[in-house]
């Protein structure tokens, strides 16, 4: 990899990407959704057998209590202790996001306000198969629990033996998930959105997945709400000469190993630092278990960018709006106020991205593909809805009636005007 300048960078190539806009794939996903909507459980059984090689009529669609107990028997105490402490941190952080309803009474008897209520039933999607993502279970379900959601439904694709990963099941039990089903992919999203004979439909679906999951969430939006359309992982590091190439390389690869489409970008005014980090990346790739994936990501979507100074680097970071933004500079807090667009900011060399992924407390479900310009991380607000409250008194209505009817008639809505005048 060569060191590039900002004028040579194709920012769209590096950052404004998704899992693809494939019309044929869109139609395939639409067909899957239609089958589940019309055929219900039968479609789930057939597609899980086709895609996952699992017959749910034998292994069961819904996870039973005995399976949860068996999962606990398979995890070690070290994992359980770490999971519970991470859960404590996540809950503590998200409890600070609680909202309450509010009302304001005027002297004329008018009452205005807002009811803030939790959604009743939400679905969380957790990637599965051979992978294990207990952290995703915590990050998606715990904010819902803090918000007051009473029914949290998890779906995740089964392994070949018809079970879910024990660590995922334990995380779900610890986090208070109320129902767990062994289905994944677009058909899992369809089951959550439309419901089947066994699975009741939800109000909102959250959680990342592959291209089929992402397109399915896109297509069911409107029938249910969704959190966001998650794209490939991203990290952008702004570093000065106080940073260490070995640490920077490790941080870049922590995201590159996620996906061949992941972005790992280092920005610095220090050419020597950039050169040293490129060499370190190559060295660390030699024994990284997911080296094939990480190398593909680094070679196509990685970048080492030379800027004139940190001010130029910060401006570039705000243009890119990365999912994860590490400020590895001498005084990171002095730069925090200049951050406009990022999913999460990591301050200093002792705040590597995995601290946020697993343990610190802030949510790791973050906007990608430049959408940090207008999206926020998943949190308690994700699981709340707001209802406006209007209580006019007779005095207030008489005072404002003329203005209301004037506006209504200007819009050609005579019925609106008469609804007010009927009370005069």
Protein backbone atom coordinates (compact mmCIF):
# COMPACT_ATOMS: atom_id res chain seq x y z
CA UNK A 1 0.00 0.00 0.00
CA UNK A 2 1.22 3.48 -0.82
CA UNK A 3 0.73 6.65 1.18
CA UNK A 4 -1.90 8.82 -0.47
CA UNK A 5 -2.89 12.44 -0.26
CA UNK A 6 -6.45 13.63 0.06
CA UNK A 7 -6.56 14.75 -3.57
CA UNK A 8 -5.80 11.21 -4.70
CA UNK A 9 -8.35 9.49 -2.50
CA UNK A 10 -11.57 8.18 -3.92
CA UNK A 11 -13.71 8.83 -0.86
CA UNK A 12 -16.75 7.20 -2.39
CA UNK A 13 -14.79 4.02 -3.05
CA UNK A 14 -13.55 3.92 0.53
CA UNK A 15 -16.62 4.95 2.45
CA UNK A 16 -19.87 5.37 0.49
CA UNK A 17 -20.35 1.69 -0.13
CA UNK A 18 -22.91 -0.90 0.84
CA UNK A 19 -23.29 -4.61 0.36
CA UNK A 20 -24.42 -3.86 -3.18
CA UNK A 21 -27.42 -2.71 -5.17
CA UNK A 22 -28.41 -5.91 -6.92
CA UNK A 23 -31.86 -5.86 -8.51
CA UNK A 24 -31.92 -9.64 -8.85
CA UNK A 25 -31.07 -10.03 -5.17
CA UNK A 26 -33.77 -7.52 -4.21
CA UNK A 27 -36.31 -9.66 -6.07
CA UNK A 28 -35.04 -12.82 -4.43
CA UNK A 29 -35.44 -11.28 -1.00
CA UNK A 30 -38.92 -10.01 -1.90
CA UNK A 31 -39.91 -13.56 -2.89
CA UNK A 32 -38.67 -14.90 0.46
CA UNK A 33 -40.67 -12.29 2.34
CA UNK A 34 -43.80 -13.11 0.35
CA UNK A 35 -43.47 -16.83 1.05
CA UNK A 36 -43.25 -16.29 4.80
CA UNK A 37 -46.12 -13.81 4.73
CA UNK A 38 -48.38 -16.26 2.88
CA UNK A 39 -47.14 -19.68 4.06
CA UNK A 40 -46.03 -18.95 7.62
CA UNK A 41 -44.21 -21.69 9.53
CA UNK A 42 -44.12 -24.02 6.53
CA UNK A 43 -41.96 -21.50 4.66
CA UNK A 44 -39.65 -21.16 7.69
CA UNK A 45 -39.20 -24.93 7.91
CA UNK A 46 -38.44 -25.33 4.21
CA UNK A 47 -36.07 -22.36 3.93
CA UNK A 48 -34.15 -23.22 7.10
CA UNK A 49 -33.64 -26.72 5.71
CA UNK A 50 -32.51 -25.27 2.37
CA UNK A 51 -30.25 -22.48 3.64
CA UNK A 52 -28.98 -23.86 6.97
CA UNK A 53 -29.33 -27.61 6.51
CA UNK A 54 -31.51 -27.84 9.63
CA UNK A 55 -34.93 -29.47 9.93
CA UNK A 56 -36.73 -27.35 12.52
CA UNK A 57 -39.50 -29.94 12.77
CA UNK A 58 -36.91 -32.14 14.48
CA UNK A 59 -34.79 -29.59 16.37
CA UNK A 60 -37.62 -27.21 17.23
CA UNK A 61 -38.29 -23.66 16.11
CA UNK A 62 -38.43 -22.07 19.55
CA UNK A 63 -35.60 -22.41 22.07
CA UNK A 64 -36.81 -24.23 25.17
CA UNK A 65 -35.81 -23.77 28.79
CA UNK A 66 -33.86 -27.04 28.72
CA UNK A 67 -31.70 -25.66 25.90
CA UNK A 68 -30.91 -22.57 27.95
CA UNK A 69 -29.92 -24.71 30.90
CA UNK A 70 -27.70 -26.82 28.65
CA UNK A 71 -26.07 -23.67 27.28
CA UNK A 72 -25.13 -22.50 30.79
CA UNK A 73 -23.49 -25.87 31.38
CA UNK A 74 -21.28 -25.35 28.32
CA UNK A 75 -19.84 -21.90 29.09
CA UNK A 76 -17.03 -21.29 31.54
CA UNK A 77 -17.03 -19.00 34.56
CA UNK A 78 -14.53 -16.59 33.00
CA UNK A 79 -16.91 -15.92 30.09
CA UNK A 80 -19.92 -15.59 32.40
CA UNK A 81 -18.12 -13.15 34.69
CA UNK A 82 -16.98 -11.01 31.75
CA UNK A 83 -20.46 -11.09 30.20
CA UNK A 84 -22.13 -9.98 33.42
CA UNK A 85 -19.69 -7.13 34.00
CA UNK A 86 -20.14 -5.97 30.40
CA UNK A 87 -23.90 -6.11 30.91
CA UNK A 88 -23.56 -4.00 34.06
CA UNK A 89 -21.57 -1.37 32.15
CA UNK A 90 -24.01 -1.31 29.23
CA UNK A 91 -27.03 -0.98 31.52
CA UNK A 92 -25.41 1.79 33.55
CA UNK A 93 -24.59 3.78 30.40
CA UNK A 94 -28.02 3.36 28.83
CA UNK A 95 -29.93 4.12 32.03
CA UNK A 96 -28.62 7.69 31.69
CA UNK A 97 -30.61 7.90 28.43
CA UNK A 98 -33.99 7.39 30.10
CA UNK A 99 -36.72 9.86 29.14
CA UNK A 100 -39.92 10.79 30.95
CA UNK A 101 -43.24 12.19 29.76
CA UNK A 102 -43.77 15.90 30.33
CA UNK A 103 -46.72 18.29 30.58
CA UNK A 104 -47.01 22.06 30.75
CA UNK A 105 -50.13 23.83 32.03
CA UNK A 106 -50.93 27.43 31.03
CA UNK A 107 -52.96 29.91 33.08
CA UNK A 108 -55.81 29.74 30.54
CA UNK A 109 -56.27 26.04 31.22
CA UNK A 110 -54.34 24.77 28.21
CA UNK A 111 -52.29 21.63 28.78
CA UNK A 112 -49.60 20.62 26.30
CA UNK A 113 -47.17 17.78 26.66
CA UNK A 114 -45.70 14.58 25.38
CA UNK A 115 -46.25 10.96 26.39
CA UNK A 116 -43.07 8.92 26.07
CA UNK A 117 -43.82 5.22 25.92
CA UNK A 118 -41.81 2.08 25.15
CA UNK A 119 -42.59 -0.09 22.18
CA UNK A 120 -44.47 -3.21 23.27
CA UNK A 121 -42.69 -5.90 21.24
CA UNK A 122 -39.35 -5.73 19.41
CA UNK A 123 -37.28 -8.22 17.46
CA UNK A 124 -33.50 -8.45 17.55
CA UNK A 125 -31.50 -10.20 14.86
CA UNK A 126 -28.24 -11.85 15.91
CA UNK A 127 -25.92 -13.33 13.25
CA UNK A 128 -25.31 -17.00 13.88
CA UNK A 129 -24.37 -20.25 12.22
CA UNK A 130 -20.72 -20.96 13.06
CA UNK A 131 -20.18 -17.46 14.50
CA UNK A 132 -20.82 -16.32 18.06
CA UNK A 133 -21.87 -12.75 18.85
CA UNK A 134 -23.00 -12.55 22.48
CA UNK A 135 -21.98 -8.89 22.49
CA UNK A 136 -24.61 -8.18 19.81
CA UNK A 137 -27.25 -9.77 22.02
CA UNK A 138 -26.38 -7.41 24.88
CA UNK A 139 -26.11 -4.28 22.75
CA UNK A 140 -29.46 -4.82 21.04
CA UNK A 141 -31.54 -6.09 23.93
CA UNK A 142 -30.36 -4.14 26.97
CA UNK A 143 -31.39 -0.66 25.70
CA UNK A 144 -34.82 -2.13 24.94
CA UNK A 145 -35.02 -3.42 28.49
CA UNK A 146 -34.05 -0.02 29.90
CA UNK A 147 -36.69 1.61 27.69
CA UNK A 148 -39.35 -0.66 29.21
CA UNK A 149 -40.04 -3.00 26.29
CA UNK A 150 -41.85 -6.02 27.72
CA UNK A 151 -41.43 -8.49 24.85
CA UNK A 152 -37.94 -8.89 23.35
CA UNK A 153 -37.82 -11.54 20.63
CA UNK A 154 -34.51 -12.84 19.29
CA UNK A 155 -33.94 -14.71 16.04
CA UNK A 156 -30.62 -16.26 15.02
CA UNK A 157 -29.72 -18.90 12.41
CA UNK A 158 -29.01 -22.36 13.85
CA UNK A 159 -25.87 -24.41 13.58
CA UNK A 160 -25.92 -27.64 11.61
CA UNK A 161 -26.93 -29.61 14.68
CA UNK A 162 -30.04 -27.47 15.14
CA UNK A 163 -28.75 -25.55 18.15
CA UNK A 164 -27.65 -21.97 18.77
CA UNK A 165 -24.19 -21.05 20.05
CA UNK A 166 -24.21 -21.53 23.86
CA UNK A 167 -22.64 -18.11 24.53
CA UNK A 168 -25.39 -16.43 22.50
CA UNK A 169 -28.12 -18.27 24.40
CA UNK A 170 -26.56 -17.42 27.75
CA UNK A 171 -26.26 -13.75 26.76
CA UNK A 172 -29.93 -13.73 25.75
CA UNK A 173 -30.99 -15.26 29.06
CA UNK A 174 -28.86 -12.82 31.06
CA UNK A 175 -30.15 -9.83 29.08
CA UNK A 176 -33.81 -10.69 29.62
CA UNK A 177 -34.76 -11.77 26.10
CA UNK A 178 -38.27 -13.24 26.37
CA UNK A 179 -38.43 -15.46 23.25
CA UNK A 180 -35.73 -17.04 21.08
CA UNK A 181 -36.23 -18.66 17.66
CA UNK A 182 -33.78 -20.64 15.55
CA UNK A 183 -34.23 -18.86 12.24
CA UNK A 184 -32.06 -16.40 10.34
CA UNK A 185 -31.67 -14.64 7.03
CA UNK A 186 -34.43 -12.83 5.19
CA UNK A 187 -36.98 -15.41 6.32
CA UNK A 188 -36.15 -14.62 9.96
CA UNK A 189 -36.77 -10.93 9.32
CA UNK A 190 -40.03 -11.79 7.56
CA UNK A 191 -41.20 -13.86 10.53
CA UNK A 192 -40.58 -10.91 12.87
CA UNK A 193 -42.28 -8.42 10.56
CA UNK A 194 -45.36 -10.40 9.52
CA UNK A 195 -45.69 -13.06 12.18
CA UNK A 196 -46.47 -16.75 11.68
CA UNK A 197 -48.63 -19.35 13.42
CA UNK A 198 -46.05 -19.47 16.25
CA UNK A 199 -44.23 -16.12 16.15
CA UNK A 200 -46.21 -12.94 16.83
CA UNK A 201 -45.24 -9.91 14.74
CA UNK A 202 -43.09 -7.22 16.34
CA UNK A 203 -43.19 -3.43 16.20
CA UNK A 204 -39.51 -2.89 15.39
CA UNK A 205 -36.52 -4.93 14.21
CA UNK A 206 -32.93 -4.13 15.20
CA UNK A 207 -29.58 -5.79 14.70
CA UNK A 208 -27.06 -6.25 11.89
CA UNK A 209 -26.84 -9.11 9.41
CA UNK A 210 -25.69 -10.08 5.94
CA UNK A 211 -26.94 -8.66 2.65
CA UNK A 212 -30.13 -10.76 2.77
CA UNK A 213 -30.94 -9.48 6.25
CA UNK A 214 -30.18 -5.88 5.30
CA UNK A 215 -32.34 -5.98 2.18
CA UNK A 216 -35.13 -7.72 4.07
CA UNK A 217 -35.10 -5.00 6.74
CA UNK A 218 -35.22 -2.40 3.99
CA UNK A 219 -38.25 -4.03 2.39
CA UNK A 220 -40.29 -4.59 5.57
CA UNK A 221 -39.74 -1.01 6.75
CA UNK A 222 -43.16 0.61 6.94
CA UNK A 223 -44.79 -2.60 8.09
CA UNK A 224 -42.46 -2.38 11.07
CA UNK A 225 -39.81 0.10 12.08
CA UNK A 226 -36.09 -0.74 11.82
CA UNK A 227 -32.99 0.67 13.47
CA UNK A 228 -30.81 1.30 10.41
CA UNK A 229 -29.40 -0.37 7.31
CA UNK A 230 -26.04 -1.56 8.59
CA UNK A 231 -23.16 -1.70 6.14
CA UNK A 232 -19.57 -2.96 6.40
CA UNK A 233 -17.50 -2.03 9.45
CA UNK A 234 -15.34 1.10 9.39
CA UNK A 235 -12.55 2.65 11.37
CA UNK A 236 -10.73 5.93 10.82
CA UNK A 237 -7.74 6.80 12.99
CA UNK A 238 -6.33 10.32 13.21
CA UNK A 239 -2.85 10.07 14.70
CA UNK A 240 0.14 12.27 15.41
CA UNK A 241 3.78 11.46 16.16
CA UNK A 242 2.90 10.30 19.69
CA UNK A 243 1.12 7.23 18.30
CA UNK A 244 2.76 3.82 17.93
CA UNK A 245 2.66 1.91 14.63
CA UNK A 246 2.18 -1.47 16.33
CA UNK A 247 -0.95 -0.28 18.11
CA UNK A 248 -2.34 1.54 15.09
CA UNK A 249 -1.89 -1.52 12.88
CA UNK A 250 -3.68 -3.71 15.40
CA UNK A 251 -6.59 -1.27 15.56
CA UNK A 252 -6.88 -1.10 11.77
CA UNK A 253 -6.92 -4.88 11.50
CA UNK A 254 -9.51 -5.18 14.27
CA UNK A 255 -12.01 -3.81 11.76
CA UNK A 256 -10.51 -5.18 8.56
CA UNK A 257 -10.99 -8.73 9.85
CA UNK A 258 -14.77 -8.22 10.02
CA UNK A 259 -15.49 -8.20 6.32
CA UNK A 260 -13.82 -7.95 2.90
CA UNK A 261 -15.75 -4.69 2.43
CA UNK A 262 -14.66 -3.18 5.75
CA UNK A 263 -12.78 0.15 5.70
CA UNK A 264 -9.63 0.79 7.73
CA UNK A 265 -8.18 4.27 7.22
CA UNK A 266 -5.22 5.91 8.94
CA UNK A 267 -4.80 9.70 8.65
CA UNK A 268 -1.72 11.53 9.88
CA UNK A 269 0.58 14.48 9.09
CA UNK A 270 3.53 12.21 9.98
CA UNK A 271 4.83 10.31 6.95
CA UNK A 272 7.18 8.19 9.04
CA UNK A 273 4.27 7.06 11.21
CA UNK A 274 2.23 6.11 8.14
CA UNK A 275 5.12 4.14 6.66
CA UNK A 276 5.79 2.34 9.92
CA UNK A 277 2.13 1.42 10.34
CA UNK A 278 1.88 0.01 6.80
CA UNK A 279 4.84 -2.25 7.57
CA UNK A 280 3.26 -3.28 10.87
CA UNK A 281 -0.01 -4.19 9.16
CA UNK A 282 1.86 -6.50 6.80
CA UNK A 283 3.73 -8.07 9.70
CA UNK A 284 0.62 -8.64 11.80
CA UNK A 285 -1.27 -10.11 8.87
CA UNK A 286 1.19 -13.00 8.84
CA UNK A 287 -0.36 -14.76 11.82
CA UNK A 288 -3.86 -13.24 12.03
CA UNK A 289 -6.44 -16.08 11.96
CA UNK A 290 -8.75 -14.10 9.64
CA UNK A 291 -5.86 -12.82 7.54
CA UNK A 292 -7.48 -13.62 4.19
CA UNK A 293 -10.50 -11.44 4.96
CA UNK A 294 -8.42 -8.70 6.60
CA UNK A 295 -5.97 -8.53 3.70
CA UNK A 296 -8.75 -8.25 1.12
CA UNK A 297 -10.27 -5.40 3.10
CA UNK A 298 -6.94 -3.63 3.64
CA UNK A 299 -5.87 -3.87 0.02
CA UNK A 300 -9.14 -2.63 -1.46
CA UNK A 301 -10.66 -0.37 1.19
CA UNK A 302 -7.73 0.47 3.43
CA UNK A 303 -5.81 3.73 3.16
CA UNK A 304 -2.87 5.60 4.68
CA UNK A 305 -3.53 9.29 4.15
CA UNK A 306 -0.94 12.03 4.51
CA UNK A 307 -2.39 15.41 5.52
CA UNK A 308 -0.73 18.77 6.11
CA UNK A 309 -1.75 18.93 9.78
CA UNK A 310 -4.30 17.61 12.28
CA UNK A 311 -6.80 20.33 11.30
CA UNK A 312 -6.90 18.96 7.76
CA UNK A 313 -7.16 15.45 9.15
CA UNK A 314 -10.14 16.38 11.31
CA UNK A 315 -11.89 17.97 8.36
CA UNK A 316 -11.37 14.80 6.34
CA UNK A 317 -12.72 12.68 9.20
CA UNK A 318 -15.86 14.78 9.39
CA UNK A 319 -16.37 14.41 5.64
CA UNK A 320 -16.03 10.64 5.85
CA UNK A 321 -18.23 10.37 9.00
CA UNK A 322 -16.76 7.04 10.12
CA UNK A 323 -18.50 4.42 12.22
CA UNK A 324 -15.51 4.28 14.60
CA UNK A 325 -13.20 7.29 14.98
CA UNK A 326 -10.01 6.95 17.02
CA UNK A 327 -8.21 10.14 18.07
CA UNK A 328 -4.70 8.90 18.85
CA UNK A 329 -3.07 12.28 19.45
CA UNK A 330 -1.26 13.95 22.33
CA UNK A 331 -4.32 15.71 23.76
CA UNK A 332 -7.40 13.99 22.30
CA UNK A 333 -9.88 15.82 24.54
CA UNK A 334 -8.87 19.15 23.04
CA UNK A 335 -10.03 17.85 19.63
CA UNK A 336 -13.31 16.32 20.76
CA UNK A 337 -15.27 19.54 20.28
CA UNK A 338 -14.35 19.52 16.59
CA UNK A 339 -15.91 16.14 15.92
CA UNK A 340 -19.14 16.64 13.96
CA UNK A 341 -19.71 13.27 12.30
CA UNK A 342 -18.86 9.89 13.82
CA UNK A 343 -20.69 6.91 15.25
CA UNK A 344 -18.36 6.63 18.24
CA UNK A 345 -15.18 8.48 19.22
CA UNK A 346 -12.30 6.74 21.01
CA UNK A 347 -9.95 9.10 22.86
CA UNK A 348 -6.25 8.30 23.17
CA UNK A 349 -4.08 5.24 22.75
CA UNK A 350 -5.64 3.40 25.67
CA UNK A 351 -9.12 3.47 24.12
CA UNK A 352 -8.88 0.94 21.26
CA UNK A 353 -12.09 0.23 19.37
CA UNK A 354 -12.76 -3.22 20.93
CA UNK A 355 -13.22 -1.51 24.32
CA UNK A 356 -16.39 -0.05 22.85
CA UNK A 357 -17.37 -3.21 21.02
CA UNK A 358 -17.53 -5.30 24.15
CA UNK A 359 -17.22 -3.65 27.49
CA UNK A 360 -17.19 0.10 28.15
CA UNK A 361 -20.96 0.62 27.98
CA UNK A 362 -21.83 2.73 24.90
CA UNK A 363 -23.62 0.84 22.17
CA UNK A 364 -21.66 -0.79 19.37
CA UNK A 365 -24.57 -0.69 16.89
CA UNK A 366 -23.42 2.39 14.97
CA UNK A 367 -24.19 4.18 11.70
CA UNK A 368 -22.01 3.21 8.73
CA UNK A 369 -21.40 4.34 5.16
CA UNK A 370 -21.32 8.03 6.01
CA UNK A 371 -24.74 7.92 7.69
CA UNK A 372 -23.20 9.20 10.93
CA UNK A 373 -23.90 12.58 9.33
CA UNK A 374 -27.55 12.11 10.32
CA UNK A 375 -27.92 8.84 12.28
CA UNK A 376 -27.14 8.11 15.92
CA UNK A 377 -26.02 4.94 17.70
CA UNK A 378 -28.66 2.49 18.82
CA UNK A 379 -29.88 3.40 22.30
CA UNK A 380 -32.88 3.75 24.57
CA UNK A 381 -34.53 6.26 22.20
CA UNK A 382 -34.54 3.54 19.54
CA UNK A 383 -37.20 1.71 21.54
CA UNK A 384 -39.38 4.65 22.51
CA UNK A 385 -42.26 6.38 20.79
CA UNK A 386 -43.68 9.80 21.53
CA UNK A 387 -47.33 10.87 21.63
CA UNK A 388 -48.25 14.55 21.54
CA UNK A 389 -50.80 15.74 24.14
CA UNK A 390 -53.08 18.73 23.50
CA UNK A 391 -55.71 19.89 26.00
CA UNK A 392 -57.30 23.23 25.09
CA UNK A 393 -59.63 25.06 27.46
CA UNK A 394 -62.75 26.94 26.37
CA UNK A 395 -60.98 30.22 26.97
CA UNK A 396 -57.99 29.21 24.85
CA UNK A 397 -60.15 27.95 21.98
CA UNK A 398 -62.19 31.17 21.85
CA UNK A 399 -58.97 33.18 21.86
CA UNK A 400 -57.37 31.25 19.01
CA UNK A 401 -60.41 30.21 16.95
CA UNK A 402 -60.17 33.03 14.43
CA UNK A 403 -56.53 32.35 13.67
CA UNK A 404 -57.12 28.59 13.33
CA UNK A 405 -60.06 29.02 10.95
CA UNK A 406 -58.13 31.58 8.89
CA UNK A 407 -55.29 29.10 8.37
CA UNK A 408 -57.70 26.25 7.60
CA UNK A 409 -59.62 28.23 4.98
CA UNK A 410 -56.38 29.43 3.41
CA UNK A 411 -55.59 25.76 2.82
CA UNK A 412 -59.08 25.11 1.41
CA UNK A 413 -60.16 22.88 4.30
CA UNK A 414 -63.57 24.25 5.23
CA UNK A 415 -64.38 21.21 7.37
CA UNK A 416 -61.44 22.00 9.60
CA UNK A 417 -62.66 25.57 10.09
CA UNK A 418 -66.21 24.47 10.86
CA UNK A 419 -64.98 21.95 13.45
CA UNK A 420 -63.61 24.89 15.40
CA UNK A 421 -66.60 27.19 14.82
CA UNK A 422 -69.03 24.49 15.94
CA UNK A 423 -67.81 25.10 19.48
CA UNK A 424 -68.25 28.87 19.53
